Protein backbone atom coordinates (compact mmCIF):
# COMPACT_ATOMS: atom_id res chain seq x y z
CA MET A 1 18.51 16.99 -48.60
CA ASN A 2 17.37 17.35 -45.62
CA ASN A 3 14.40 15.07 -45.32
CA GLN A 4 13.38 16.63 -42.05
CA PRO A 5 9.86 18.20 -41.74
CA LYS A 6 10.38 22.19 -41.03
CA LYS A 7 8.82 22.36 -37.22
CA THR A 8 7.10 25.46 -36.55
CA LYS A 9 5.97 27.61 -33.38
CA GLN A 10 2.60 25.18 -33.55
CA ASP A 11 4.64 21.89 -33.43
CA SER A 12 6.91 22.84 -30.84
CA PRO A 13 5.80 23.52 -27.10
CA THR A 14 7.10 27.51 -25.58
CA PHE A 15 9.58 26.97 -23.84
CA ALA A 16 7.63 29.00 -21.26
CA THR A 17 5.38 25.79 -21.86
CA GLN A 18 8.28 23.76 -21.19
CA VAL A 19 9.87 25.68 -17.64
CA GLY A 20 6.12 25.60 -16.24
CA ALA A 21 5.98 21.09 -16.57
CA LYS A 22 9.44 20.97 -15.01
CA ALA A 23 8.47 23.22 -12.10
CA ALA A 24 5.45 21.38 -12.01
CA ARG A 25 6.72 18.63 -12.20
CA LYS A 26 9.18 18.97 -9.52
CA LEU A 27 7.06 20.56 -6.51
CA LYS A 28 5.07 17.21 -7.33
CA ALA A 29 7.59 15.44 -6.20
CA LYS A 30 8.53 17.73 -3.15
CA ARG A 31 5.44 17.14 -2.29
CA ASN A 32 4.90 13.48 -2.80
CA ALA A 33 8.73 12.53 -1.91
CA THR A 34 9.48 8.43 -2.17
CA PRO A 35 8.97 7.54 1.32
CA GLY A 36 12.30 5.92 2.78
CA VAL A 37 13.08 3.05 4.64
CA TRP A 38 11.35 4.36 8.06
CA PHE A 39 8.37 4.16 5.89
CA GLY A 40 9.18 0.71 4.77
CA LEU A 41 9.43 -0.75 8.37
CA GLY A 42 6.44 1.10 9.30
CA MET A 43 4.19 -0.38 6.81
CA MET A 44 5.63 -4.22 7.31
CA GLY A 45 5.50 -3.50 11.50
CA LEU A 46 1.68 -2.81 10.51
CA VAL A 47 1.16 -5.09 7.98
CA GLY A 48 2.12 -7.58 11.36
CA TRP A 49 0.45 -6.11 13.65
CA SER A 50 -2.48 -6.67 11.98
CA VAL A 51 -1.47 -10.46 11.91
CA VAL A 52 -0.52 -11.20 15.25
CA VAL A 53 -3.58 -9.04 16.95
CA PRO A 54 -6.16 -11.61 16.21
CA THR A 55 -4.54 -14.73 16.75
CA LEU A 56 -2.94 -13.99 19.86
CA LEU A 57 -7.01 -12.51 20.46
CA GLY A 58 -7.67 -16.02 19.44
CA ALA A 59 -6.07 -17.99 21.73
CA ALA A 60 -6.58 -16.07 24.24
CA LEU A 61 -10.41 -16.91 23.69
CA GLY A 62 -9.64 -20.58 23.08
CA ILE A 63 -7.88 -20.16 26.30
CA TRP A 64 -10.65 -19.07 28.51
CA LEU A 65 -13.57 -21.32 26.48
CA ASP A 66 -10.65 -24.55 27.25
CA GLN A 67 -10.27 -23.74 30.54
CA HIS A 68 -14.11 -22.51 31.73
CA TYR A 69 -16.13 -25.21 29.18
CA PRO A 70 -13.76 -28.52 28.45
CA GLY A 71 -14.39 -30.45 26.22
CA GLY A 72 -12.77 -33.53 23.23
CA ARG A 73 -11.56 -30.26 21.25
CA SER A 74 -10.00 -27.57 20.98
CA TRP A 75 -10.59 -24.08 21.43
CA THR A 76 -7.35 -22.91 20.90
CA LEU A 77 -6.10 -24.25 18.19
CA ALA A 78 -9.59 -23.48 16.42
CA LEU A 79 -9.50 -19.36 17.75
CA LEU A 80 -5.74 -19.79 16.76
CA MET A 81 -6.40 -20.94 13.56
CA ALA A 82 -9.23 -18.10 13.35
CA GLY A 83 -7.68 -15.45 14.15
CA LEU A 84 -4.85 -16.35 11.99
CA THR A 85 -6.99 -16.64 9.05
CA MET A 86 -8.64 -13.01 9.83
CA GLY A 87 -5.71 -11.57 10.55
CA CYS A 88 -4.64 -12.59 6.75
CA PHE A 89 -6.89 -11.23 5.56
CA ASN A 90 -6.33 -7.82 7.04
CA ALA A 91 -3.37 -7.61 6.38
CA TRP A 92 -4.28 -8.72 2.24
CA HIS A 93 -6.75 -5.53 2.47
CA TRP A 94 -3.99 -3.08 3.91
CA VAL A 95 -1.23 -4.66 0.90
CA ASP A 96 -4.31 -4.63 -1.10
CA LYS A 97 -5.38 -0.76 -0.64
CA GLU A 98 -1.80 0.70 -0.99
CA ASP A 99 -0.52 -0.89 -3.90
CA GLN A 100 -4.89 0.75 -5.49
CA ALA A 101 -3.07 3.88 -4.40
CA ILE A 102 0.16 3.64 -6.15
CA ARG A 103 -1.33 2.62 -9.36
CA ASP A 104 -4.13 6.08 -9.17
CA GLU A 105 -1.19 8.06 -8.25
CA GLN A 106 0.67 6.36 -11.32
CA LYS A 107 -2.01 6.62 -13.47
CA GLU A 108 -2.32 10.27 -12.27
CA ASP A 109 1.18 11.48 -13.63
CA ASP A 110 0.68 9.23 -16.51
CA ASP A 111 -2.09 10.94 -17.53
CA GLU A 112 -0.60 14.75 -17.04
């Protein structure tokens, strides 16, 4: 009548093993607490500044070059765009690095 196979001691983990696994998960969760709102805002600020600083440096260098070496082309516009491009690549690098760290951590959790 009962079609389910009987469980043996080898099939199910012991109570001590289950408690140990839950305790280890809780300790890991406390060590790696979920980042709060301030962490997210700080990360956005970091990414924002990584774009703004090269852009402003490029524009400042371009203004200086236009004042000291006037010509038919605008150094300000060219270096502003170069700084913006460098800043965007820099921001992409930061975001990719954080994404990879999150994926590695999730993979470690899945392996355990």
